[in-house]
All heavy atoms as atom14 arrays in JSON, in Angstrom:
{
  "sequence": "LYEGVHASGNGNVPLHPWLGVNLKVSYQCDRKKETLYSLGLHLITGMM",
  "atom14_mask": [
    [1, 1, 1, 1, 1, 1, 1, 1, 0, 0, 0, 0, 0, 0],
    [1, 1, 1, 1, 1, 1, 1, 1, 1, 1, 1, 1, 0, 0],
    [1, 1, 1, 1, 1, 1, 1, 1, 1, 0, 0, 0, 0, 0],
    [1, 1, 1, 1, 0, 0, 0, 0, 0, 0, 0, 0, 0, 0],
    [1, 1, 1, 1, 1, 1, 1, 0, 0, 0, 0, 0, 0, 0],
    [1, 1, 1, 1, 1, 1, 1, 1, 1, 1, 0, 0, 0, 0],
    [1, 1, 1, 1, 1, 0, 0, 0, 0, 0, 0, 0, 0, 0],
    [1, 1, 1, 1, 1, 1, 0, 0, 0, 0, 0, 0, 0, 0],
    [1, 1, 1, 1, 0, 0, 0, 0, 0, 0, 0, 0, 0, 0],
    [1, 1, 1, 1, 1, 1, 1, 1, 0, 0, 0, 0, 0, 0],
    [1, 1, 1, 1, 0, 0, 0, 0, 0, 0, 0, 0, 0, 0],
    [1, 1, 1, 1, 1, 1, 1, 1, 0, 0, 0, 0, 0, 0],
    [1, 1, 1, 1, 1, 1, 1, 0, 0, 0, 0, 0, 0, 0],
    [1, 1, 1, 1, 1, 1, 1, 0, 0, 0, 0, 0, 0, 0],
    [1, 1, 1, 1, 1, 1, 1, 1, 0, 0, 0, 0, 0, 0],
    [1, 1, 1, 1, 1, 1, 1, 1, 1, 1, 0, 0, 0, 0],
    [1, 1, 1, 1, 1, 1, 1, 0, 0, 0, 0, 0, 0, 0],
    [1, 1, 1, 1, 1, 1, 1, 1, 1, 1, 1, 1, 1, 1],
    [1, 1, 1, 1, 1, 1, 1, 1, 0, 0, 0, 0, 0, 0],
    [1, 1, 1, 1, 0, 0, 0, 0, 0, 0, 0, 0, 0, 0],
    [1, 1, 1, 1, 1, 1, 1, 0, 0, 0, 0, 0, 0, 0],
    [1, 1, 1, 1, 1, 1, 1, 1, 0, 0, 0, 0, 0, 0],
    [1, 1, 1, 1, 1, 1, 1, 1, 0, 0, 0, 0, 0, 0],
    [1, 1, 1, 1, 1, 1, 1, 1, 1, 0, 0, 0, 0, 0],
    [1, 1, 1, 1, 1, 1, 1, 0, 0, 0, 0, 0, 0, 0],
    [1, 1, 1, 1, 1, 1, 0, 0, 0, 0, 0, 0, 0, 0],
    [1, 1, 1, 1, 1, 1, 1, 1, 1, 1, 1, 1, 0, 0],
    [1, 1, 1, 1, 1, 1, 1, 1, 1, 0, 0, 0, 0, 0],
    [1, 1, 1, 1, 1, 1, 0, 0, 0, 0, 0, 0, 0, 0],
    [1, 1, 1, 1, 1, 1, 1, 1, 0, 0, 0, 0, 0, 0],
    [1, 1, 1, 1, 1, 1, 1, 1, 1, 1, 1, 0, 0, 0],
    [1, 1, 1, 1, 1, 1, 1, 1, 1, 0, 0, 0, 0, 0],
    [1, 1, 1, 1, 1, 1, 1, 1, 1, 0, 0, 0, 0, 0],
    [1, 1, 1, 1, 1, 1, 1, 1, 1, 0, 0, 0, 0, 0],
    [1, 1, 1, 1, 1, 1, 1, 0, 0, 0, 0, 0, 0, 0],
    [1, 1, 1, 1, 1, 1, 1, 1, 0, 0, 0, 0, 0, 0],
    [1, 1, 1, 1, 1, 1, 1, 1, 1, 1, 1, 1, 0, 0],
    [1, 1, 1, 1, 1, 1, 0, 0, 0, 0, 0, 0, 0, 0],
    [1, 1, 1, 1, 1, 1, 1, 1, 0, 0, 0, 0, 0, 0],
    [1, 1, 1, 1, 0, 0, 0, 0, 0, 0, 0, 0, 0, 0],
    [1, 1, 1, 1, 1, 1, 1, 1, 0, 0, 0, 0, 0, 0],
    [1, 1, 1, 1, 1, 1, 1, 1, 1, 1, 0, 0, 0, 0],
    [1, 1, 1, 1, 1, 1, 1, 1, 0, 0, 0, 0, 0, 0],
    [1, 1, 1, 1, 1, 1, 1, 1, 0, 0, 0, 0, 0, 0],
    [1, 1, 1, 1, 1, 1, 1, 0, 0, 0, 0, 0, 0, 0],
    [1, 1, 1, 1, 0, 0, 0, 0, 0, 0, 0, 0, 0, 0],
    [1, 1, 1, 1, 1, 1, 1, 1, 0, 0, 0, 0, 0, 0],
    [1, 1, 1, 1, 1, 1, 1, 1, 0, 0, 0, 0, 0, 0]
  ],
  "atom14_positions": [
    [[6.76, -7.0, -9.9], [7.46, -7.01, -11.35], [6.34, -6.69, -12.42], [5.15, -6.92, -12.2], [7.97, -8.41, -11.52], [9.2, -8.83, -10.65], [9.57, -10.25, -10.88], [10.36, -7.89, -10.88], [0.0, 0.0, 0.0], [0.0, 0.0, 0.0], [0.0, 0.0, 0.0], [0.0, 0.0, 0.0], [0.0, 0.0, 0.0], [0.0, 0.0, 0.0]],
    [[6.84, -6.31, -13.45], [6.04, -5.89, -14.69], [6.43, -6.68, -15.82], [7.63, -6.98, -16.07], [6.17, -4.36, -14.9], [5.91, -3.49, -13.74], [7.01, -3.18, -12.81], [4.69, -2.95, -13.49], [6.63, -2.39, -11.74], [4.46, -2.12, -12.45], [5.45, -1.87, -11.56], [5.26, -1.02, -10.51], [0.0, 0.0, 0.0], [0.0, 0.0, 0.0]],
    [[5.41, -6.97, -16.68], [5.81, -7.72, -17.92], [6.64, -6.72, -18.84], [6.33, -5.52, -19.02], [4.46, -8.11, -18.62], [4.81, -8.9, -19.93], [3.49, -9.38, -20.58], [2.51, -9.37, -19.96], [3.6, -9.77, -21.83], [0.0, 0.0, 0.0], [0.0, 0.0, 0.0], [0.0, 0.0, 0.0], [0.0, 0.0, 0.0], [0.0, 0.0, 0.0]],
    [[7.62, -7.21, -19.41], [8.6, -6.42, -20.23], [7.98, -6.23, -21.61], [8.35, -6.91, -22.52], [0.0, 0.0, 0.0], [0.0, 0.0, 0.0], [0.0, 0.0, 0.0], [0.0, 0.0, 0.0], [0.0, 0.0, 0.0], [0.0, 0.0, 0.0], [0.0, 0.0, 0.0], [0.0, 0.0, 0.0], [0.0, 0.0, 0.0], [0.0, 0.0, 0.0]],
    [[7.07, -5.26, -21.72], [6.41, -5.06, -22.97], [7.15, -3.96, -23.64], [7.62, -2.95, -23.29], [4.98, -4.48, -22.62], [4.28, -4.13, -23.95], [4.19, -5.45, -21.78], [0.0, 0.0, 0.0], [0.0, 0.0, 0.0], [0.0, 0.0, 0.0], [0.0, 0.0, 0.0], [0.0, 0.0, 0.0], [0.0, 0.0, 0.0], [0.0, 0.0, 0.0]],
    [[7.39, -4.22, -24.95], [7.95, -3.25, -25.91], [6.85, -2.6, -26.67], [6.51, -3.04, -27.8], [8.91, -4.02, -26.84], [10.09, -4.71, -26.22], [11.14, -4.01, -25.56], [10.37, -6.01, -25.9], [11.97, -4.82, -24.97], [11.47, -6.03, -25.22], [0.0, 0.0, 0.0], [0.0, 0.0, 0.0], [0.0, 0.0, 0.0], [0.0, 0.0, 0.0]],
    [[6.32, -1.57, -26.09], [5.16, -0.86, -26.69], [5.65, 0.38, -27.44], [6.67, 0.94, -27.13], [4.22, -0.39, -25.61], [0.0, 0.0, 0.0], [0.0, 0.0, 0.0], [0.0, 0.0, 0.0], [0.0, 0.0, 0.0], [0.0, 0.0, 0.0], [0.0, 0.0, 0.0], [0.0, 0.0, 0.0], [0.0, 0.0, 0.0], [0.0, 0.0, 0.0]],
    [[4.84, 0.68, -28.49], [5.16, 1.82, -29.25], [4.45, 2.98, -28.56], [3.63, 2.85, -27.71], [4.74, 1.76, -30.73], [3.29, 1.48, -30.79], [0.0, 0.0, 0.0], [0.0, 0.0, 0.0], [0.0, 0.0, 0.0], [0.0, 0.0, 0.0], [0.0, 0.0, 0.0], [0.0, 0.0, 0.0], [0.0, 0.0, 0.0], [0.0, 0.0, 0.0]],
    [[4.68, 4.23, -29.2], [4.02, 5.42, -28.59], [2.63, 5.68, -29.07], [2.09, 6.65, -28.83], [0.0, 0.0, 0.0], [0.0, 0.0, 0.0], [0.0, 0.0, 0.0], [0.0, 0.0, 0.0], [0.0, 0.0, 0.0], [0.0, 0.0, 0.0], [0.0, 0.0, 0.0], [0.0, 0.0, 0.0], [0.0, 0.0, 0.0], [0.0, 0.0, 0.0]],
    [[2.1, 4.73, -29.93], [0.78, 4.93, -30.46], [-0.33, 4.82, -29.47], [-1.35, 5.38, -29.69], [0.61, 3.95, -31.64], [1.57, 4.02, -32.77], [2.06, 5.16, -32.98], [1.99, 3.0, -33.45], [0.0, 0.0, 0.0], [0.0, 0.0, 0.0], [0.0, 0.0, 0.0], [0.0, 0.0, 0.0], [0.0, 0.0, 0.0], [0.0, 0.0, 0.0]],
    [[-0.13, 4.07, -28.38], [-1.14, 3.96, -27.42], [-0.59, 3.27, -26.18], [0.36, 2.39, -26.2], [0.0, 0.0, 0.0], [0.0, 0.0, 0.0], [0.0, 0.0, 0.0], [0.0, 0.0, 0.0], [0.0, 0.0, 0.0], [0.0, 0.0, 0.0], [0.0, 0.0, 0.0], [0.0, 0.0, 0.0], [0.0, 0.0, 0.0], [0.0, 0.0, 0.0]],
    [[-1.09, 3.58, -24.97], [-0.64, 2.98, -23.81], [-1.19, 1.57, -23.58], [-2.29, 1.33, -23.94], [-1.06, 3.91, -22.6], [-0.27, 5.24, -22.59], [0.77, 5.29, -23.24], [-0.73, 6.19, -21.84], [0.0, 0.0, 0.0], [0.0, 0.0, 0.0], [0.0, 0.0, 0.0], [0.0, 0.0, 0.0], [0.0, 0.0, 0.0], [0.0, 0.0, 0.0]],
    [[-0.38, 0.76, -23.06], [-0.74, -0.65, -22.76], [-1.08, -0.82, -21.38], [-0.35, -0.53, -20.47], [0.43, -1.57, -23.22], [-0.04, -2.99, -22.87], [0.81, -1.47, -24.61], [0.0, 0.0, 0.0], [0.0, 0.0, 0.0], [0.0, 0.0, 0.0], [0.0, 0.0, 0.0], [0.0, 0.0, 0.0], [0.0, 0.0, 0.0], [0.0, 0.0, 0.0]],
    [[-2.33, -1.4, -21.11], [-2.74, -1.64, -19.72], [-2.1, -2.97, -19.15], [-2.08, -3.88, -19.86], [-4.28, -1.8, -19.83], [-4.51, -2.4, -21.17], [-3.41, -1.73, -22.06], [0.0, 0.0, 0.0], [0.0, 0.0, 0.0], [0.0, 0.0, 0.0], [0.0, 0.0, 0.0], [0.0, 0.0, 0.0], [0.0, 0.0, 0.0], [0.0, 0.0, 0.0]],
    [[-1.66, -2.89, -17.95], [-1.21, -4.1, -17.36], [-2.1, -4.43, -16.13], [-2.38, -3.6, -15.27], [0.29, -3.82, -16.7], [1.39, -3.41, -17.81], [2.71, -3.07, -17.11], [1.51, -4.51, -18.85], [0.0, 0.0, 0.0], [0.0, 0.0, 0.0], [0.0, 0.0, 0.0], [0.0, 0.0, 0.0], [0.0, 0.0, 0.0], [0.0, 0.0, 0.0]],
    [[-2.52, -5.72, -16.13], [-3.45, -6.2, -15.11], [-2.73, -6.76, -13.89], [-1.72, -7.41, -14.07], [-4.27, -7.3, -15.71], [-5.26, -6.81, -16.72], [-6.65, -7.18, -16.75], [-5.18, -5.8, -17.7], [-7.25, -6.61, -17.68], [-6.42, -5.83, -18.29], [0.0, 0.0, 0.0], [0.0, 0.0, 0.0], [0.0, 0.0, 0.0], [0.0, 0.0, 0.0]],
    [[-3.24, -6.51, -12.7], [-2.52, -6.92, -11.43], [-2.89, -8.44, -11.11], [-4.08, -8.78, -11.17], [-3.1, -5.94, -10.44], [-4.42, -5.67, -10.9], [-4.4, -5.75, -12.37], [0.0, 0.0, 0.0], [0.0, 0.0, 0.0], [0.0, 0.0, 0.0], [0.0, 0.0, 0.0], [0.0, 0.0, 0.0], [0.0, 0.0, 0.0], [0.0, 0.0, 0.0]],
    [[-1.83, -9.13, -10.86], [-1.95, -10.48, -10.42], [-1.23, -10.72, -9.12], [-0.13, -10.18, -8.92], [-1.4, -11.58, -11.42], [-2.21, -11.74, -12.68], [-2.2, -10.89, -13.78], [-2.98, -12.77, -12.95], [-2.99, -11.46, -14.69], [-3.54, -12.72, -14.25], [-3.41, -13.95, -12.16], [-4.56, -13.48, -14.83], [-4.29, -14.88, -12.77], [-4.79, -14.59, -14.03]],
    [[-1.81, -11.42, -8.11], [-1.13, -11.75, -6.95], [-0.67, -13.19, -7.11], [-1.43, -14.08, -7.3], [-2.04, -11.64, -5.72], [-1.5, -12.21, -4.44], [-0.29, -11.3, -4.0], [-2.56, -12.17, -3.28], [0.0, 0.0, 0.0], [0.0, 0.0, 0.0], [0.0, 0.0, 0.0], [0.0, 0.0, 0.0], [0.0, 0.0, 0.0], [0.0, 0.0, 0.0]],
    [[0.66, -13.47, -7.01], [1.25, -14.73, -7.16], [1.79, -15.18, -5.75], [2.58, -14.47, -5.17], [0.0, 0.0, 0.0], [0.0, 0.0, 0.0], [0.0, 0.0, 0.0], [0.0, 0.0, 0.0], [0.0, 0.0, 0.0], [0.0, 0.0, 0.0], [0.0, 0.0, 0.0], [0.0, 0.0, 0.0], [0.0, 0.0, 0.0], [0.0, 0.0, 0.0]],
    [[1.48, -16.41, -5.42], [1.96, -16.92, -4.01], [2.35, -18.27, -4.21], [1.64, -19.15, -4.8], [0.84, -16.82, -3.03], [1.36, -17.32, -1.72], [0.3, -15.41, -2.88], [0.0, 0.0, 0.0], [0.0, 0.0, 0.0], [0.0, 0.0, 0.0], [0.0, 0.0, 0.0], [0.0, 0.0, 0.0], [0.0, 0.0, 0.0], [0.0, 0.0, 0.0]],
    [[3.51, -18.67, -3.67], [4.13, -20.0, -3.57], [3.9, -20.45, -2.19], [4.37, -19.74, -1.26], [5.55, -20.09, -4.04], [5.73, -19.72, -5.43], [4.92, -20.1, -6.36], [6.8, -18.99, -5.76], [0.0, 0.0, 0.0], [0.0, 0.0, 0.0], [0.0, 0.0, 0.0], [0.0, 0.0, 0.0], [0.0, 0.0, 0.0], [0.0, 0.0, 0.0]],
    [[3.24, -21.62, -2.01], [2.94, -22.05, -0.67], [3.44, -23.57, -0.48], [3.55, -24.29, -1.44], [1.51, -22.15, -0.27], [0.72, -20.85, -0.6], [0.0, -20.84, -1.93], [-0.32, -20.49, 0.56], [0.0, 0.0, 0.0], [0.0, 0.0, 0.0], [0.0, 0.0, 0.0], [0.0, 0.0, 0.0], [0.0, 0.0, 0.0], [0.0, 0.0, 0.0]],
    [[3.86, -23.87, 0.68], [4.22, -25.28, 1.02], [3.33, -25.8, 1.99], [3.04, -25.22, 3.06], [5.76, -25.24, 1.54], [6.26, -26.65, 1.94], [7.71, -26.64, 2.39], [8.0, -25.95, 3.65], [9.3, -25.99, 4.1], [0.0, 0.0, 0.0], [0.0, 0.0, 0.0], [0.0, 0.0, 0.0], [0.0, 0.0, 0.0], [0.0, 0.0, 0.0]],
    [[2.89, -27.03, 1.72], [2.03, -27.78, 2.73], [2.73, -28.96, 3.23], [3.25, -29.82, 2.45], [0.68, -28.29, 2.05], [-0.19, -29.1, 2.97], [-0.14, -27.1, 1.44], [0.0, 0.0, 0.0], [0.0, 0.0, 0.0], [0.0, 0.0, 0.0], [0.0, 0.0, 0.0], [0.0, 0.0, 0.0], [0.0, 0.0, 0.0], [0.0, 0.0, 0.0]],
    [[2.93, -29.05, 4.53], [3.71, -30.12, 5.15], [2.75, -30.96, 5.93], [1.92, -30.6, 6.7], [4.73, -29.56, 6.14], [5.61, -28.71, 5.49], [0.0, 0.0, 0.0], [0.0, 0.0, 0.0], [0.0, 0.0, 0.0], [0.0, 0.0, 0.0], [0.0, 0.0, 0.0], [0.0, 0.0, 0.0], [0.0, 0.0, 0.0], [0.0, 0.0, 0.0]],
    [[2.8, -32.32, 5.61], [1.92, -33.31, 6.2], [2.94, -34.1, 7.2], [3.85, -34.72, 6.87], [1.37, -34.32, 5.12], [0.51, -33.68, 4.12], [1.1, -33.15, 2.96], [-0.83, -33.61, 4.23], [0.29, -32.66, 1.98], [-1.7, -32.99, 3.3], [-1.02, -32.44, 2.12], [-1.81, -31.86, 1.22], [0.0, 0.0, 0.0], [0.0, 0.0, 0.0]],
    [[2.61, -33.86, 8.48], [3.5, -34.31, 9.48], [2.95, -35.35, 10.43], [1.79, -35.18, 10.91], [4.09, -33.11, 10.29], [4.74, -31.92, 9.44], [5.01, -30.72, 10.29], [4.81, -30.67, 11.43], [5.58, -29.73, 9.58], [0.0, 0.0, 0.0], [0.0, 0.0, 0.0], [0.0, 0.0, 0.0], [0.0, 0.0, 0.0], [0.0, 0.0, 0.0]],
    [[3.66, -36.39, 10.67], [3.34, -37.3, 11.73], [4.75, -37.96, 11.99], [5.7, -37.21, 12.1], [2.23, -38.24, 11.29], [2.55, -39.22, 9.81], [0.0, 0.0, 0.0], [0.0, 0.0, 0.0], [0.0, 0.0, 0.0], [0.0, 0.0, 0.0], [0.0, 0.0, 0.0], [0.0, 0.0, 0.0], [0.0, 0.0, 0.0], [0.0, 0.0, 0.0]],
    [[4.78, -39.29, 12.12], [6.1, -39.97, 12.3], [6.75, -40.07, 10.95], [7.92, -40.33, 10.9], [6.02, -41.36, 12.97], [5.01, -42.2, 12.27], [3.98, -41.67, 11.75], [5.41, -43.45, 12.07], [0.0, 0.0, 0.0], [0.0, 0.0, 0.0], [0.0, 0.0, 0.0], [0.0, 0.0, 0.0], [0.0, 0.0, 0.0], [0.0, 0.0, 0.0]],
    [[6.05, -39.67, 9.95], [6.57, -39.52, 8.53], [6.16, -38.19, 8.11], [5.33, -37.51, 8.64], [5.92, -40.61, 7.67], [6.28, -42.13, 8.18], [5.49, -43.11, 7.48], [5.6, -44.4, 8.14], [4.86, -45.53, 7.74], [3.94, -45.46, 6.79], [5.12, -46.71, 8.42], [0.0, 0.0, 0.0], [0.0, 0.0, 0.0], [0.0, 0.0, 0.0]],
    [[6.83, -37.78, 6.99], [6.58, -36.35, 6.57], [6.57, -36.29, 5.02], [7.31, -37.04, 4.3], [7.76, -35.45, 7.07], [7.57, -34.02, 6.83], [8.66, -33.16, 7.43], [8.39, -31.71, 7.28], [9.45, -30.88, 7.87], [0.0, 0.0, 0.0], [0.0, 0.0, 0.0], [0.0, 0.0, 0.0], [0.0, 0.0, 0.0], [0.0, 0.0, 0.0]],
    [[5.68, -35.58, 4.55], [5.6, -35.29, 3.07], [5.33, -33.76, 2.85], [4.54, -33.13, 3.63], [4.43, -36.12, 2.46], [4.34, -35.97, 0.95], [3.16, -36.81, 0.43], [1.9, -36.07, 0.6], [0.82, -36.61, -0.21], [0.0, 0.0, 0.0], [0.0, 0.0, 0.0], [0.0, 0.0, 0.0], [0.0, 0.0, 0.0], [0.0, 0.0, 0.0]],
    [[5.89, -33.28, 1.82], [5.56, -31.79, 1.55], [5.13, -31.66, 0.08], [5.68, -32.4, -0.86], [6.96, -31.02, 1.69], [7.37, -30.92, 3.13], [8.66, -30.2, 3.31], [9.37, -30.0, 2.35], [9.0, -29.73, 4.45], [0.0, 0.0, 0.0], [0.0, 0.0, 0.0], [0.0, 0.0, 0.0], [0.0, 0.0, 0.0], [0.0, 0.0, 0.0]],
    [[4.2, -30.77, -0.12], [3.66, -30.4, -1.43], [3.66, -28.91, -1.59], [3.46, -28.19, -0.75], [2.23, -30.94, -1.51], [2.14, -32.37, -1.35], [1.62, -30.66, -2.97], [0.0, 0.0, 0.0], [0.0, 0.0, 0.0], [0.0, 0.0, 0.0], [0.0, 0.0, 0.0], [0.0, 0.0, 0.0], [0.0, 0.0, 0.0], [0.0, 0.0, 0.0]],
    [[4.1, -28.5, -2.79], [4.16, -27.13, -3.18], [3.09, -26.69, -4.1], [2.69, -27.44, -4.93], [5.49, -26.7, -3.92], [6.71, -26.95, -3.0], [8.01, -26.49, -3.82], [6.67, -25.99, -1.86], [0.0, 0.0, 0.0], [0.0, 0.0, 0.0], [0.0, 0.0, 0.0], [0.0, 0.0, 0.0], [0.0, 0.0, 0.0], [0.0, 0.0, 0.0]],
    [[2.46, -25.53, -3.77], [1.44, -25.0, -4.69], [1.88, -23.61, -5.1], [2.47, -22.85, -4.33], [0.13, -24.88, -3.88], [-0.56, -26.22, -3.5], [-0.2, -26.74, -2.29], [-1.43, -26.89, -4.4], [-0.9, -27.98, -1.86], [-1.98, -28.09, -4.1], [-1.73, -28.55, -2.83], [-2.22, -29.78, -2.44], [0.0, 0.0, 0.0], [0.0, 0.0, 0.0]],
    [[1.6, -23.31, -6.32], [1.89, -21.95, -6.88], [0.51, -21.43, -7.51], [0.12, -21.93, -8.59], [2.95, -22.0, -7.83], [3.32, -20.67, -8.34], [0.0, 0.0, 0.0], [0.0, 0.0, 0.0], [0.0, 0.0, 0.0], [0.0, 0.0, 0.0], [0.0, 0.0, 0.0], [0.0, 0.0, 0.0], [0.0, 0.0, 0.0], [0.0, 0.0, 0.0]],
    [[-0.04, -20.49, -6.84], [-1.33, -19.96, -7.26], [-1.33, -18.53, -7.75], [-0.48, -17.74, -7.06], [-2.41, -20.2, -6.27], [-2.74, -21.6, -5.82], [-3.76, -21.64, -4.75], [-3.17, -22.43, -6.95], [0.0, 0.0, 0.0], [0.0, 0.0, 0.0], [0.0, 0.0, 0.0], [0.0, 0.0, 0.0], [0.0, 0.0, 0.0], [0.0, 0.0, 0.0]],
    [[-2.0, -18.14, -8.74], [-1.96, -16.71, -9.19], [-3.54, -16.31, -9.12], [-4.44, -16.94, -9.58], [0.0, 0.0, 0.0], [0.0, 0.0, 0.0], [0.0, 0.0, 0.0], [0.0, 0.0, 0.0], [0.0, 0.0, 0.0], [0.0, 0.0, 0.0], [0.0, 0.0, 0.0], [0.0, 0.0, 0.0], [0.0, 0.0, 0.0], [0.0, 0.0, 0.0]],
    [[-3.76, -15.12, -8.57], [-5.11, -14.54, -8.51], [-5.15, -13.21, -9.23], [-4.42, -12.28, -9.01], [-5.45, -14.32, -7.0], [-6.85, -13.64, -6.67], [-7.9, -14.57, -7.06], [-7.0, -13.29, -5.26], [0.0, 0.0, 0.0], [0.0, 0.0, 0.0], [0.0, 0.0, 0.0], [0.0, 0.0, 0.0], [0.0, 0.0, 0.0], [0.0, 0.0, 0.0]],
    [[-6.1, -13.11, -10.24], [-6.27, -11.88, -10.91], [-7.06, -10.99, -10.0], [-8.12, -11.26, -9.54], [-7.16, -12.16, -12.22], [-7.18, -10.99, -13.15], [-7.91, -10.0, -12.95], [-6.44, -10.83, -14.38], [-7.79, -9.1, -13.99], [-6.83, -9.58, -14.81], [0.0, 0.0, 0.0], [0.0, 0.0, 0.0], [0.0, 0.0, 0.0], [0.0, 0.0, 0.0]],
    [[-6.39, -9.78, -9.7], [-6.94, -8.97, -8.69], [-8.1, -7.99, -9.21], [-8.53, -7.15, -8.46], [-5.84, -8.14, -8.13], [-4.79, -8.91, -7.25], [-3.72, -7.99, -6.67], [-5.46, -9.65, -6.07], [0.0, 0.0, 0.0], [0.0, 0.0, 0.0], [0.0, 0.0, 0.0], [0.0, 0.0, 0.0], [0.0, 0.0, 0.0], [0.0, 0.0, 0.0]],
    [[-8.48, -8.29, -10.35], [-9.72, -7.53, -10.86], [-10.94, -8.43, -10.99], [-11.99, -8.05, -10.51], [-9.37, -6.92, -12.22], [-8.32, -5.75, -12.03], [-10.75, -6.21, -12.81], [-7.9, -5.12, -13.24], [0.0, 0.0, 0.0], [0.0, 0.0, 0.0], [0.0, 0.0, 0.0], [0.0, 0.0, 0.0], [0.0, 0.0, 0.0], [0.0, 0.0, 0.0]],
    [[-10.68, -9.61, -11.6], [-11.84, -10.55, -11.77], [-11.99, -11.54, -10.75], [-13.04, -12.22, -10.61], [-11.71, -11.3, -13.13], [-10.48, -12.11, -13.12], [-11.51, -10.27, -14.3], [0.0, 0.0, 0.0], [0.0, 0.0, 0.0], [0.0, 0.0, 0.0], [0.0, 0.0, 0.0], [0.0, 0.0, 0.0], [0.0, 0.0, 0.0], [0.0, 0.0, 0.0]],
    [[-10.83, -11.85, -10.04], [-11.0, -12.92, -8.86], [-10.62, -14.23, -9.47], [-10.74, -15.22, -8.73], [0.0, 0.0, 0.0], [0.0, 0.0, 0.0], [0.0, 0.0, 0.0], [0.0, 0.0, 0.0], [0.0, 0.0, 0.0], [0.0, 0.0, 0.0], [0.0, 0.0, 0.0], [0.0, 0.0, 0.0], [0.0, 0.0, 0.0], [0.0, 0.0, 0.0]],
    [[-10.3, -14.38, -10.81], [-9.89, -15.62, -11.34], [-8.72, -16.16, -10.82], [-7.71, -15.39, -10.54], [-9.82, -15.45, -12.89], [-9.8, -16.72, -13.66], [-9.93, -16.3, -15.48], [-11.47, -15.63, -15.57], [0.0, 0.0, 0.0], [0.0, 0.0, 0.0], [0.0, 0.0, 0.0], [0.0, 0.0, 0.0], [0.0, 0.0, 0.0], [0.0, 0.0, 0.0]],
    [[-8.59, -17.46, -10.51], [-7.37, -18.06, -9.92], [-6.81, -19.26, -10.83], [-7.6, -19.93, -11.45], [-7.8, -18.67, -8.55], [-6.59, -18.99, -7.68], [-7.07, -19.59, -6.03], [-7.88, -18.15, -5.31], [0.0, 0.0, 0.0], [0.0, 0.0, 0.0], [0.0, 0.0, 0.0], [0.0, 0.0, 0.0], [0.0, 0.0, 0.0], [0.0, 0.0, 0.0]]
  ]
}
């Protein structure tokens, strides 16, 4: 997906790539708990 930018024709707008991932962590024994994580990684700088 791309950010819905309303740019004019005066200059092109750069769009930076991000990898977004939703993960589920399940803690399992005779009881169970689940935690969700949503992380984004900038694919140029490595910032998370």
